[in-house]
PDB file of N, CA and C in Angstrom:
ATOM      1  N   MET A   1      86.726 159.280  64.851  1.00  0.00           N
ATOM      2  CA  MET A   1      85.743 160.272  64.852  1.00  0.00           C
ATOM      3  C   MET A   1      85.845 160.615  66.306  1.00  0.00           C
ATOM      4  N   GLN A   2      86.173 161.357  67.392  1.00  0.00           N
ATOM      5  CA  GLN A   2      86.610 162.482  67.383  1.00  0.00           C
ATOM      6  C   GLN A   2      87.537 163.496  66.984  1.00  0.00           C
ATOM      7  N   GLN A   3      88.366 163.043  65.555  1.00  0.00           N
ATOM      8  CA  GLN A   3      89.114 164.015  64.535  1.00  0.00           C
ATOM      9  C   GLN A   3      88.242 164.355  63.563  1.00  0.00           C
ATOM     10  N   GLN A   4      87.373 163.396  63.637  1.00  0.00           N
ATOM     11  CA  GLN A   4      86.110 164.158  62.616  1.00  0.00           C
ATOM     12  C   GLN A   4      85.595 164.608  63.089  1.00  0.00           C
ATOM     13  N   THR A   5      84.501 164.213  64.677  1.00  0.00           N
ATOM     14  CA  THR A   5      83.800 165.606  65.300  1.00  0.00           C
ATOM     15  C   THR A   5      84.522 167.107  65.469  1.00  0.00           C
ATOM     16  N   TYR A   6      86.022 166.838  65.625  1.00  0.00           N
ATOM     17  CA  TYR A   6      87.018 167.911  65.502  1.00  0.00           C
ATOM     18  C   TYR A   6      86.086 169.063  64.386  1.00  0.00           C
ATOM     19  N   ARG A   7      86.659 168.181  63.109  1.00  0.00           N
ATOM     20  CA  ARG A   7      87.124 169.187  62.242  1.00  0.00           C
ATOM     21  C   ARG A   7      86.220 169.783  62.071  1.00  0.00           C
ATOM     22  N   GLN A   8      85.037 168.595  62.255  1.00  0.00           N
ATOM     23  CA  GLN A   8      83.265 169.865  62.079  1.00  0.00           C
ATOM     24  C   GLN A   8      83.013 170.850  62.797  1.00  0.00           C
ATOM     25  N   TRP A   9      83.750 171.087  63.871  1.00  0.00           N
ATOM     26  CA  TRP A   9      83.625 171.451  64.899  1.00  0.00           C
ATOM     27  C   TRP A   9      84.769 173.286  64.104  1.00  0.00           C
ATOM     28  N   GLN A  10      85.330 172.409  64.339  1.00  0.00           N
ATOM     29  CA  GLN A  10      86.294 173.840  64.174  1.00  0.00           C
ATOM     30  C   GLN A  10      85.895 174.613  61.982  1.00  0.00           C
ATOM     31  N   ILE A  11      85.601 173.536  60.949  1.00  0.00           N
ATOM     32  CA  ILE A  11      84.282 174.779  60.110  1.00  0.00           C
ATOM     33  C   ILE A  11      83.997 175.419  60.549  1.00  0.00           C
ATOM     34  N   ALA A  12      82.637 174.466  61.232  1.00  0.00           N
ATOM     35  CA  ALA A  12      81.742 175.484  62.041  1.00  0.00           C
ATOM     36  C   ALA A  12      82.372 176.713  62.722  1.00  0.00           C
ATOM     37  N   ALA A  13      83.803 176.739  63.046  1.00  0.00           N
ATOM     38  CA  ALA A  13      83.871 178.145  64.341  1.00  0.00           C
ATOM     39  C   ALA A  13      83.906 178.770  63.275  1.00  0.00           C
ATOM     40  N   GLN A  14      84.752 178.581  62.339  1.00  0.00           N
ATOM     41  CA  GLN A  14      85.144 179.621  61.182  1.00  0.00           C
ATOM     42  C   GLN A  14      84.174 179.963  60.555  1.00  0.00           C
ATOM     43  N   ASN A  15      82.847 179.216  59.930  1.00  0.00           N
ATOM     44  CA  ASN A  15      81.397 180.390  59.383  1.00  0.00           C
ATOM     45  C   ASN A  15      80.749 180.755  60.417  1.00  0.00           C
ATOM     46  N   ALA A  16      81.108 180.658  61.373  1.00  0.00           N
ATOM     47  CA  ALA A  16      79.977 181.024  62.649  1.00  0.00           C
ATOM     48  C   ALA A  16      80.341 182.555  62.588  1.00  0.00           C
ATOM     49  N   THR A  17      79.583 184.053  61.813  1.00  0.00           N
ATOM     50  CA  THR A  17      79.825 184.914  62.244  1.00  0.00           C
ATOM     51  C   THR A  17      79.177 186.005  62.550  1.00  0.00           C
ATOM     52  N   SER A  18      77.492 184.836  63.165  1.00  0.00           N
ATOM     53  CA  SER A  18      77.252 185.543  63.906  1.00  0.00           C
ATOM     54  C   SER A  18      77.022 185.307  65.821  1.00  0.00           C
ATOM     55  N   PHE A  19      76.713 185.668  66.052  1.00  0.00           N
ATOM     56  CA  PHE A  19      77.205 185.553  68.234  1.00  0.00           C
ATOM     57  C   PHE A  19      76.254 184.350  68.872  1.00  0.00           C
ATOM     58  N   ARG A  20      74.555 183.827  68.183  1.00  0.00           N
ATOM     59  CA  ARG A  20      73.829 182.963  67.643  1.00  0.00           C
ATOM     60  C   ARG A  20      74.412 181.992  67.709  1.00  0.00           C
ATOM     61  N   ALA A  21      74.843 181.948  66.110  1.00  0.00           N
ATOM     62  CA  ALA A  21      76.285 180.947  65.589  1.00  0.00           C
ATOM     63  C   ALA A  21      77.179 179.737  66.935  1.00  0.00           C
ATOM     64  N   LYS A  22      78.022 181.427  67.852  1.00  0.00           N
ATOM     65  CA  LYS A  22      78.952 180.554  68.067  1.00  0.00           C
ATOM     66  C   LYS A  22      78.202 180.697  68.793  1.00  0.00           C
ATOM     67  N   PHE A  23      76.838 180.693  69.801  1.00  0.00           N
ATOM     68  CA  PHE A  23      76.144 180.648  71.180  1.00  0.00           C
ATOM     69  C   PHE A  23      76.658 178.725  71.081  1.00  0.00           C
ATOM     70  N   ASN A  24      74.848 178.653  70.621  1.00  0.00           N
ATOM     71  CA  ASN A  24      74.750 177.544  69.459  1.00  0.00           C
ATOM     72  C   ASN A  24      75.901 176.040  69.274  1.00  0.00           C
ATOM     73  N   LEU A  25      77.136 176.427  68.896  1.00  0.00           N
ATOM     74  CA  LEU A  25      78.153 175.593  68.471  1.00  0.00           C
ATOM     75  C   LEU A  25      78.636 175.156  70.062  1.00  0.00           C
ATOM     76  N   ALA A  26      78.568 176.348  70.648  1.00  0.00           N
ATOM     77  CA  ALA A  26      80.080 176.192  72.377  1.00  0.00           C
ATOM     78  C   ALA A  26      78.523 175.551  72.901  1.00  0.00           C
ATOM     79  N   ALA A  27      77.697 175.631  73.463  1.00  0.00           N
ATOM     80  CA  ALA A  27      76.919 174.956  73.136  1.00  0.00           C
ATOM     81  C   ALA A  27      76.579 173.399  72.853  1.00  0.00           C
ATOM     82  N   GLU A  28      76.672 173.379  72.425  1.00  0.00           N
ATOM     83  CA  GLU A  28      76.667 172.086  71.306  1.00  0.00           C
ATOM     84  C   GLU A  28      77.832 170.924  71.519  1.00  0.00           C
ATOM     85  N   ILE A  29      79.141 171.326  71.682  1.00  0.00           N
ATOM     86  CA  ILE A  29      80.598 171.825  72.525  1.00  0.00           C
ATOM     87  C   ILE A  29      80.625 171.080  74.230  1.00  0.00           C
ATOM     88  N   VAL A  30      79.519 171.711  74.566  1.00  0.00           N
ATOM     89  CA  VAL A  30      79.790 171.761  76.010  1.00  0.00           C
ATOM     90  C   VAL A  30      78.460 169.998  76.483  1.00  0.00           C
ATOM     91  N   LYS A  31      77.910 169.701  76.054  1.00  0.00           N
ATOM     92  CA  LYS A  31      77.432 168.588  76.060  1.00  0.00           C
ATOM     93  C   LYS A  31      77.480 167.770  75.177  1.00  0.00           C
ATOM     94  N   SER A  32      79.231 167.757  74.794  1.00  0.00           N
ATOM     95  CA  SER A  32      79.125 166.396  73.614  1.00  0.00           C
ATOM     96  C   SER A  32      80.377 165.312  74.216  1.00  0.00           C
ATOM     97  N   GLU A  33      81.015 164.813  74.745  1.00  0.00           N
ATOM     98  CA  GLU A  33      81.072 163.709  74.796  1.00  0.00           C
ATOM     99  C   GLU A  33      82.077 163.697  74.511  1.00  0.00           C
ATOM    100  N   LEU A  34      82.767 163.728  73.318  1.00  0.00           N
ATOM    101  CA  LEU A  34      83.368 163.895  72.684  1.00  0.00           C
ATOM    102  C   LEU A  34      84.441 165.092  72.738  1.00  0.00           C
ATOM    103  N   SER A  35      84.015 166.100  73.227  1.00  0.00           N
ATOM    104  CA  SER A  35      84.615 166.859  73.645  1.00  0.00           C
ATOM    105  C   SER A  35      85.660 167.420  75.297  1.00  0.00           C
ATOM    106  N   SER A  36      87.302 167.501  74.365  1.00  0.00           N
ATOM    107  CA  SER A  36      88.664 167.397  75.638  1.00  0.00           C
ATOM    108  C   SER A  36      87.514 168.378  76.457  1.00  0.00           C
ATOM    109  N   ARG A  37      88.632 168.106  77.992  1.00  0.00           N
ATOM    110  CA  ARG A  37      87.918 168.513  78.581  1.00  0.00           C
ATOM    111  C   ARG A  37      88.291 170.299  78.620  1.00  0.00           C
ATOM    112  N   GLU A  38      89.580 170.872  78.013  1.00  0.00           N
ATOM    113  CA  GLU A  38      89.640 171.353  77.540  1.00  0.00           C
ATOM    114  C   GLU A  38      88.809 172.660  76.746  1.00  0.00           C
ATOM    115  N   ILE A  39      89.117 171.900  76.052  1.00  0.00           N
ATOM    116  CA  ILE A  39      87.789 172.436  75.087  1.00  0.00           C
ATOM    117  C   ILE A  39      85.921 172.556  75.044  1.00  0.00           C
ATOM    118  N   ARG A  40      85.931 171.557  76.638  1.00  0.00           N
ATOM    119  CA  ARG A  40      84.605 172.053  76.640  1.00  0.00           C
ATOM    120  C   ARG A  40      84.551 172.903  77.721  1.00  0.00           C
ATOM    121  N   ARG A  41      86.093 173.175  78.276  1.00  0.00           N
ATOM    122  CA  ARG A  41      86.332 174.297  79.249  1.00  0.00           C
ATOM    123  C   ARG A  41      85.650 175.622  78.695  1.00  0.00           C
ATOM    124  N   ALA A  42      86.734 175.770  77.650  1.00  0.00           N
ATOM    125  CA  ALA A  42      87.173 176.470  76.378  1.00  0.00           C
ATOM    126  C   ALA A  42      85.379 177.131  76.067  1.00  0.00           C
ATOM    127  N   ALA A  43      84.365 175.649  75.956  1.00  0.00           N
ATOM    128  CA  ALA A  43      83.197 176.547  75.290  1.00  0.00           C
ATOM    129  C   ALA A  43      82.128 176.500  75.794  1.00  0.00           C
ATOM    130  N   ARG A  44      82.428 176.139  77.491  1.00  0.00           N
ATOM    131  CA  ARG A  44      81.334 176.707  78.560  1.00  0.00           C
ATOM    132  C   ARG A  44      81.806 178.019  78.719  1.00  0.00           C
ATOM    133  N   ARG A  45      82.792 178.900  78.980  1.00  0.00           N
ATOM    134  CA  ARG A  45      83.312 180.424  78.957  1.00  0.00           C
ATOM    135  C   ARG A  45      82.263 180.924  78.018  1.00  0.00           C
ATOM    136  N   VAL A  46      82.481 180.637  76.283  1.00  0.00           N
ATOM    137  CA  VAL A  46      81.435 181.262  75.117  1.00  0.00           C
ATOM    138  C   VAL A  46      79.618 181.461  75.706  1.00  0.00           C
ATOM    139  N   VAL A  47      79.529 179.860  76.684  1.00  0.00           N
ATOM    140  CA  VAL A  47      78.069 179.807  76.647  1.00  0.00           C
ATOM    141  C   VAL A  47      77.874 180.975  78.277  1.00  0.00           C
ATOM    142  N   ARG A  48      78.846 180.733  79.510  1.00  0.00           N
ATOM    143  CA  ARG A  48      78.315 181.186  80.476  1.00  0.00           C
ATOM    144  C   ARG A  48      78.075 183.036  80.033  1.00  0.00           C
ATOM    145  N   THR A  49      78.448 183.499  79.144  1.00  0.00           N
ATOM    146  CA  THR A  49      79.349 184.937  78.665  1.00  0.00           C
ATOM    147  C   THR A  49      78.403 185.075  77.285  1.00  0.00           C
ATOM    148  N   LEU A  50      77.153 184.134  77.162  1.00  0.00           N
ATOM    149  CA  LEU A  50      76.341 185.116  75.908  1.00  0.00           C
ATOM    150  C   LEU A  50      74.943 184.699  76.708  1.00  0.00           C
ATOM    151  N   GLU A  51      74.578 183.487  77.826  1.00  0.00           N
ATOM    152  CA  GLU A  51      73.617 182.539  77.214  1.00  0.00           C
ATOM    153  C   GLU A  51      72.215 183.969  78.360  1.00  0.00           C
ATOM    154  N   THR A  52      72.880 184.788  78.770  1.00  0.00           N
ATOM    155  CA  THR A  52      71.969 185.750  79.526  1.00  0.00           C
ATOM    156  C   THR A  52      71.607 186.503  78.873  1.00  0.00           C
ATOM    157  N   VAL A  53      71.871 186.989  77.498  1.00  0.00           N
ATOM    158  CA  VAL A  53      72.219 188.313  75.695  1.00  0.00           C
ATOM    159  C   VAL A  53      71.749 187.583  75.104  1.00  0.00           C
ATOM    160  N   ILE A  54      70.738 186.283  74.892  1.00  0.00           N
ATOM    161  CA  ILE A  54      71.301 185.620  73.515  1.00  0.00           C
ATOM    162  C   ILE A  54      70.461 186.084  72.833  1.00  0.00           C
ATOM    163  N   ASP A  55      69.103 185.914  73.709  1.00  0.00           N
ATOM    164  CA  ASP A  55      67.451 186.076  73.439  1.00  0.00           C
ATOM    165  C   ASP A  55      67.439 187.470  73.167  1.00  0.00           C
ATOM    166  N   LEU A  56      67.624 188.090  73.841  1.00  0.00           N
ATOM    167  CA  LEU A  56      67.575 189.801  74.030  1.00  0.00           C
ATOM    168  C   LEU A  56      68.232 190.494  71.921  1.00  0.00           C
ATOM    169  N   PRO A  57      67.691 191.388  71.759  1.00  0.00           N
ATOM    170  CA  PRO A  57      67.775 191.949  70.665  1.00  0.00           C
ATOM    171  C   PRO A  57      69.586 192.986  71.060  1.00  0.00           C
ATOM    172  N   ILE A  58      69.112 193.094  71.738  1.00  0.00           N
ATOM    173  CA  ILE A  58      70.460 194.058  72.055  1.00  0.00           C
ATOM    174  C   ILE A  58      71.751 193.184  73.673  1.00  0.00           C
ATOM    175  N   ALA A  59      73.135 194.137  73.899  1.00  0.00           N
ATOM    176  CA  ALA A  59      73.343 193.885  73.951  1.00  0.00           C
ATOM    177  C   ALA A  59      75.081 194.547  74.479  1.00  0.00           C
ATOM    178  N   SER A  60      76.065 194.951  75.799  1.00  0.00           N
ATOM    179  CA  SER A  60      76.572 195.784  75.161  1.00  0.00           C
ATOM    180  C   SER A  60      77.802 195.577  74.485  1.00  0.00           C
ATOM    181  N   ALA A  61      79.251 196.438  74.042  1.00  0.00           N
ATOM    182  CA  ALA A  61      79.501 196.005  73.262  1.00  0.00           C
ATOM    183  C   ALA A  61      80.647 195.728  74.722  1.00  0.00           C
ATOM    184  N   GLU A  62      80.966 195.985  75.369  1.00  0.00           N
ATOM    185  CA  GLU A  62      81.953 194.672  75.983  1.00  0.00           C
ATOM    186  C   GLU A  62      81.649 193.297  76.734  1.00  0.00           C
ATOM    187  N   LEU A  63      80.540 192.950  76.296  1.00  0.00           N
ATOM    188  CA  LEU A  63      80.422 191.562  76.323  1.00  0.00           C
ATOM    189  C   LEU A  63      80.567 191.303  75.195  1.00  0.00           C
ATOM    190  N   LEU A  64      80.325 191.423  74.129  1.00  0.00           N
ATOM    191  CA  LEU A  64      80.317 190.956  72.862  1.00  0.00           C
ATOM    192  C   LEU A  64      82.133 191.174  73.026  1.00  0.00           C
ATOM    193  N   ARG A  65      82.677 191.344  72.685  1.00  0.00           N
ATOM    194  CA  ARG A  65      83.926 191.632  72.521  1.00  0.00           C
ATOM    195  C   ARG A  65      84.435 190.596  73.780  1.00  0.00           C
ATOM    196  N   LYS A  66      84.084 190.415  75.175  1.00  0.00           N
ATOM    197  CA  LYS A  66      84.323 189.398  75.864  1.00  0.00           C
ATOM    198  C   LYS A  66      84.680 188.036  75.094  1.00  0.00           C
ATOM    199  N   ALA A  67      83.012 187.329  74.581  1.00  0.00           N
ATOM    200  CA  ALA A  67      82.220 187.106  73.766  1.00  0.00           C
ATOM    201  C   ALA A  67      83.610 186.134  72.890  1.00  0.00           C
ATOM    202  N   HIS A  68      83.753 187.828  71.952  1.00  0.00           N
ATOM    203  CA  HIS A  68      83.877 187.457  70.497  1.00  0.00           C
ATOM    204  C   HIS A  68      85.511 186.505  70.649  1.00  0.00           C
ATOM    205  N   GLU A  69      85.859 187.450  72.426  1.00  0.00           N
ATOM    206  CA  GLU A  69      87.865 186.707  72.434  1.00  0.00           C
ATOM    207  C   GLU A  69      87.547 185.515  72.439  1.00  0.00           C
ATOM    208  N   ARG A  70      86.396 184.699  73.740  1.00  0.00           N
ATOM    209  CA  ARG A  70      86.672 183.474  74.497  1.00  0.00           C
ATOM    210  C   ARG A  70      85.425 182.599  73.381  1.00  0.00           C
ATOM    211  N   PHE A  71      84.957 182.729  72.117  1.00  0.00           N
ATOM    212  CA  PHE A  71      85.431 182.449  70.648  1.00  0.00           C
ATOM    213  C   PHE A  71      86.897 181.833  70.227  1.00  0.00           C
ATOM    214  N   GLY A  72      87.481 183.070  70.214  1.00  0.00           N
ATOM    215  CA  GLY A  72      88.232 182.831  69.331  1.00  0.00           C
ATOM    216  C   GLY A  72      89.152 181.807  69.943  1.00  0.00           C
ATOM    217  N   ALA A  73      88.774 181.960  70.893  1.00  0.00           N
ATOM    218  CA  ALA A  73      89.463 181.269  71.996  1.00  0.00           C
ATOM    219  C   ALA A  73      89.606 179.783  71.767  1.00  0.00           C
ATOM    220  N   LEU A  74      88.362 179.194  71.646  1.00  0.00           N
ATOM    221  CA  LEU A  74      87.697 178.014  72.130  1.00  0.00           C
ATOM    222  C   LEU A  74      88.764 177.452  69.539  1.00  0.00           C
ATOM    223  N   THR A  75      88.099 178.488  69.446  1.00  0.00           N
ATOM    224  CA  THR A  75      88.433 178.635  67.674  1.00  0.00           C
ATOM    225  C   THR A  75      89.916 177.831  67.591  1.00  0.00           C
ATOM    226  N   GLU A  76      90.641 178.970  68.970  1.00  0.00           N
ATOM    227  CA  GLU A  76      91.927 178.157  68.235  1.00  0.00           C
ATOM    228  C   GLU A  76      92.119 176.697  68.629  1.00  0.00           C
ATOM    229  N   LEU A  77      91.928 176.430  70.009  1.00  0.00           N
ATOM    230  CA  LEU A  77      91.792 174.848  70.963  1.00  0.00           C
ATOM    231  C   LEU A  77      92.174 174.461  69.894  1.00  0.00           C
ATOM    232  N   LEU A  78      90.124 174.425  69.060  1.00  0.00           N
ATOM    233  CA  LEU A  78      89.650 173.434  67.602  1.00  0.00           C
ATOM    234  C   LEU A  78      90.921 172.900  66.688  1.00  0.00           C
ATOM    235  N   LEU A  79      90.996 174.229  66.293  1.00  0.00           N
ATOM    236  CA  LEU A  79      92.033 174.131  65.035  1.00  0.00           C
ATOM    237  C   LEU A  79      93.527 172.619  65.895  1.00  0.00           C
ATOM    238  N   SER A  80      94.535 173.402  67.225  1.00  0.00           N
ATOM    239  CA  SER A  80      94.908 172.440  67.595  1.00  0.00           C
ATOM    240  C   SER A  80      95.362 171.170  67.989  1.00  0.00           C
ATOM    241  N   ALA A  81      93.903 171.028  67.696  1.00  0.00           N
ATOM    242  CA  ALA A  81      93.697 169.841  68.092  1.00  0.00           C
ATOM    243  C   ALA A  81      93.027 169.263  66.977  1.00  0.00           C
ATOM    244  N   THR A  82      92.854 169.271  65.936  1.00  0.00           N
ATOM    245  CA  THR A  82      92.847 168.650  65.249  1.00  0.00           C
ATOM    246  C   THR A  82      94.264 168.407  64.233  1.00  0.00           C
ATOM    247  N   ASP A  83      95.317 169.863  64.084  1.00  0.00           N
ATOM    248  CA  ASP A  83      96.235 169.412  63.734  1.00  0.00           C
ATOM    249  C   ASP A  83      97.624 168.667  65.000  1.00  0.00           C
ATOM    250  N   LEU A  84      97.218 168.353  66.116  1.00  0.00           N
ATOM    251  CA  LEU A  84      97.526 167.198  66.092  1.00  0.00           C
ATOM    252  C   LEU A  84      97.379 166.442  66.557  1.00  0.00           C
ATOM    253  N   THR A  85      95.618 166.043  66.870  1.00  0.00           N
ATOM    254  CA  THR A  85      95.265 165.041  66.015  1.00  0.00           C
ATOM    255  C   THR A  85      96.348 164.435  64.959  1.00  0.00           C
ATOM    256  N   ALA A  86      95.708 164.898  63.374  1.00  0.00           N
ATOM    257  CA  ALA A  86      95.888 164.747  61.839  1.00  0.00           C
ATOM    258  C   ALA A  86      97.461 164.918  62.283  1.00  0.00           C
ATOM    259  N   SER A  87      98.681 165.521  63.343  1.00  0.00           N
ATOM    260  CA  SER A  87     100.028 164.819  63.388  1.00  0.00           C
ATOM    261  C   SER A  87     100.379 163.919  63.618  1.00  0.00           C
ATOM    262  N   ASN A  88     100.280 163.344  64.964  1.00  0.00           N
ATOM    263  CA  ASN A  88     100.132 161.848  65.467  1.00  0.00           C
ATOM    264  C   ASN A  88      99.331 161.389  64.899  1.00  0.00           C
ATOM    265  N   GLU A  89      98.547 160.558  64.209  1.00  0.00           N
ATOM    266  CA  GLU A  89      98.113 160.145  63.132  1.00  0.00           C
ATOM    267  C   GLU A  89      99.498 160.098  61.999  1.00  0.00           C
ATOM    268  N   LYS A  90      99.971 161.132  61.307  1.00  0.00           N
ATOM    269  CA  LYS A  90     101.079 161.369  60.501  1.00  0.00           C
ATOM    270  C   LYS A  90     102.065 160.578  60.956  1.00  0.00           C
ATOM    271  N   ASN A  91     103.103 161.376  61.827  1.00  0.00           N
ATOM    272  CA  ASN A  91     103.401 160.918  62.551  1.00  0.00           C
ATOM    273  C   ASN A  91     104.165 159.452  63.735  1.00  0.00           C
ATOM    274  N   TYR A  92     102.753 158.922  64.231  1.00  0.00           N
ATOM    275  CA  TYR A  92     103.333 157.424  64.424  1.00  0.00           C
ATOM    276  C   TYR A  92     101.449 156.572  64.448  1.00  0.00           C
ATOM    277  N   PRO A  93     101.951 155.779  62.718  1.00  0.00           N
ATOM    278  CA  PRO A  93     101.783 155.651  62.637  1.00  0.00           C
ATOM    279  C   PRO A  93     101.108 154.114  62.931  1.00  0.00           C
ATOM    280  N   GLU A  94     102.119 153.644  63.664  1.00  0.00           N
ATOM    281  CA  GLU A  94     101.969 152.757  64.705  1.00  0.00           C
ATOM    282  C   GLU A  94     100.498 152.342  65.837  1.00  0.00           C
ATOM    283  N   LEU A  95     100.462 153.630  66.249  1.00  0.00           N
ATOM    284  CA  LEU A  95      99.700 154.018  67.395  1.00  0.00           C
ATOM    285  C   LEU A  95      97.635 153.844  67.113  1.00  0.00           C
ATOM    286  N   LEU A  96      97.905 152.995  65.275  1.00  0.00           N
ATOM    287  CA  LEU A  96      96.622 152.882  64.481  1.00  0.00           C
ATOM    288  C   LEU A  96      96.736 152.127  63.849  1.00  0.00           C
ATOM    289  N   THR A  97      98.238 151.053  64.127  1.00  0.00           N
ATOM    290  CA  THR A  97      97.600 149.469  64.250  1.00  0.00           C
ATOM    291  C   THR A  97      97.379 148.430  64.331  1.00  0.00           C
ATOM    292  N   PRO A  98      97.818 148.161  66.125  1.00  0.00           N
ATOM    293  CA  PRO A  98      97.026 148.024  66.874  1.00  0.00           C
ATOM    294  C   PRO A  98      95.055 147.205  66.582  1.00  0.00           C
ATOM    295  N   CYS A  99      94.546 148.553  66.271  1.00  0.00           N
ATOM    296  CA  CYS A  99      92.561 148.337  65.924  1.00  0.00           C
ATOM    297  C   CYS A  99      92.771 147.437  64.514  1.00  0.00           C
ATOM    298  N   ILE A 100      93.351 148.217  64.098  1.00  0.00           N
ATOM    299  CA  ILE A 100      93.552 147.717  62.362  1.00  0.00           C
ATOM    300  C   ILE A 100      93.208 145.871  62.292  1.00  0.00           C
ATOM    301  N   GLY A 101      92.504 145.299  61.547  1.00  0.00           N
ATOM    302  CA  GLY A 101      92.482 144.123  61.166  1.00  0.00           C
ATOM    303  C   GLY A 101      91.551 143.310  62.672  1.00  0.00           C
ATOM    304  N   ARG A 102      90.851 144.149  63.919  1.00  0.00           N
ATOM    305  CA  ARG A 102      90.591 143.526  64.700  1.00  0.00           C
ATOM    306  C   ARG A 102      88.776 143.424  64.597  1.00  0.00           C
ATOM    307  N   GLY A 103      88.467 143.412  63.636  1.00  0.00           N
ATOM    308  CA  GLY A 103      87.543 144.640  62.988  1.00  0.00           C
ATOM    309  C   GLY A 103      86.628 145.209  64.231  1.00  0.00           C
ATOM    310  N   SER A 104      87.997 145.874  63.740  1.00  0.00           N
ATOM    311  CA  SER A 104      87.106 147.748  64.891  1.00  0.00           C
ATOM    312  C   SER A 104      88.038 148.626  64.208  1.00  0.00           C
ATOM    313  N   GLU A 105      87.497 149.564  63.872  1.00  0.00           N
ATOM    314  CA  GLU A 105      87.756 151.457  63.529  1.00  0.00           C
ATOM    315  C   GLU A 105      88.724 151.798  64.269  1.00  0.00           C
ATOM    316  N   PRO A 106      90.030 152.432  63.484  1.00  0.00           N
ATOM    317  CA  PRO A 106      91.281 153.450  64.527  1.00  0.00           C
ATOM    318  C   PRO A 106      90.685 154.021  65.564  1.00  0.00           C
ATOM    319  N   VAL A 107      90.900 153.804  66.667  1.00  0.00           N
ATOM    320  CA  VAL A 107      91.021 155.131  67.506  1.00  0.00           C
ATOM    321  C   VAL A 107      92.046 156.280  67.185  1.00  0.00           C
TER     322      VAL A 107
END
């Protein structure tokens, strides 16, 4: 479930072209219990940067530059998290084996 959620966030991050879309995605990640501590921290930095100006018609270039950088860092973390999870499943399938056949989904 976590990998699927991370993958959805990764796609949403790549498609987020407006600062409102970036803010909304980061806010969703902050609220999610599925996000890792590191990813939640990166998302919180995006939210804090944009929360005071998100409803205003204009913001300073410096603030938007900072928000863009922080969102880029969040996107990189999401990408590395999904790559790491996929790599672990591919290279270490025995990690999933104990759960299979017990009526539960692999973790």
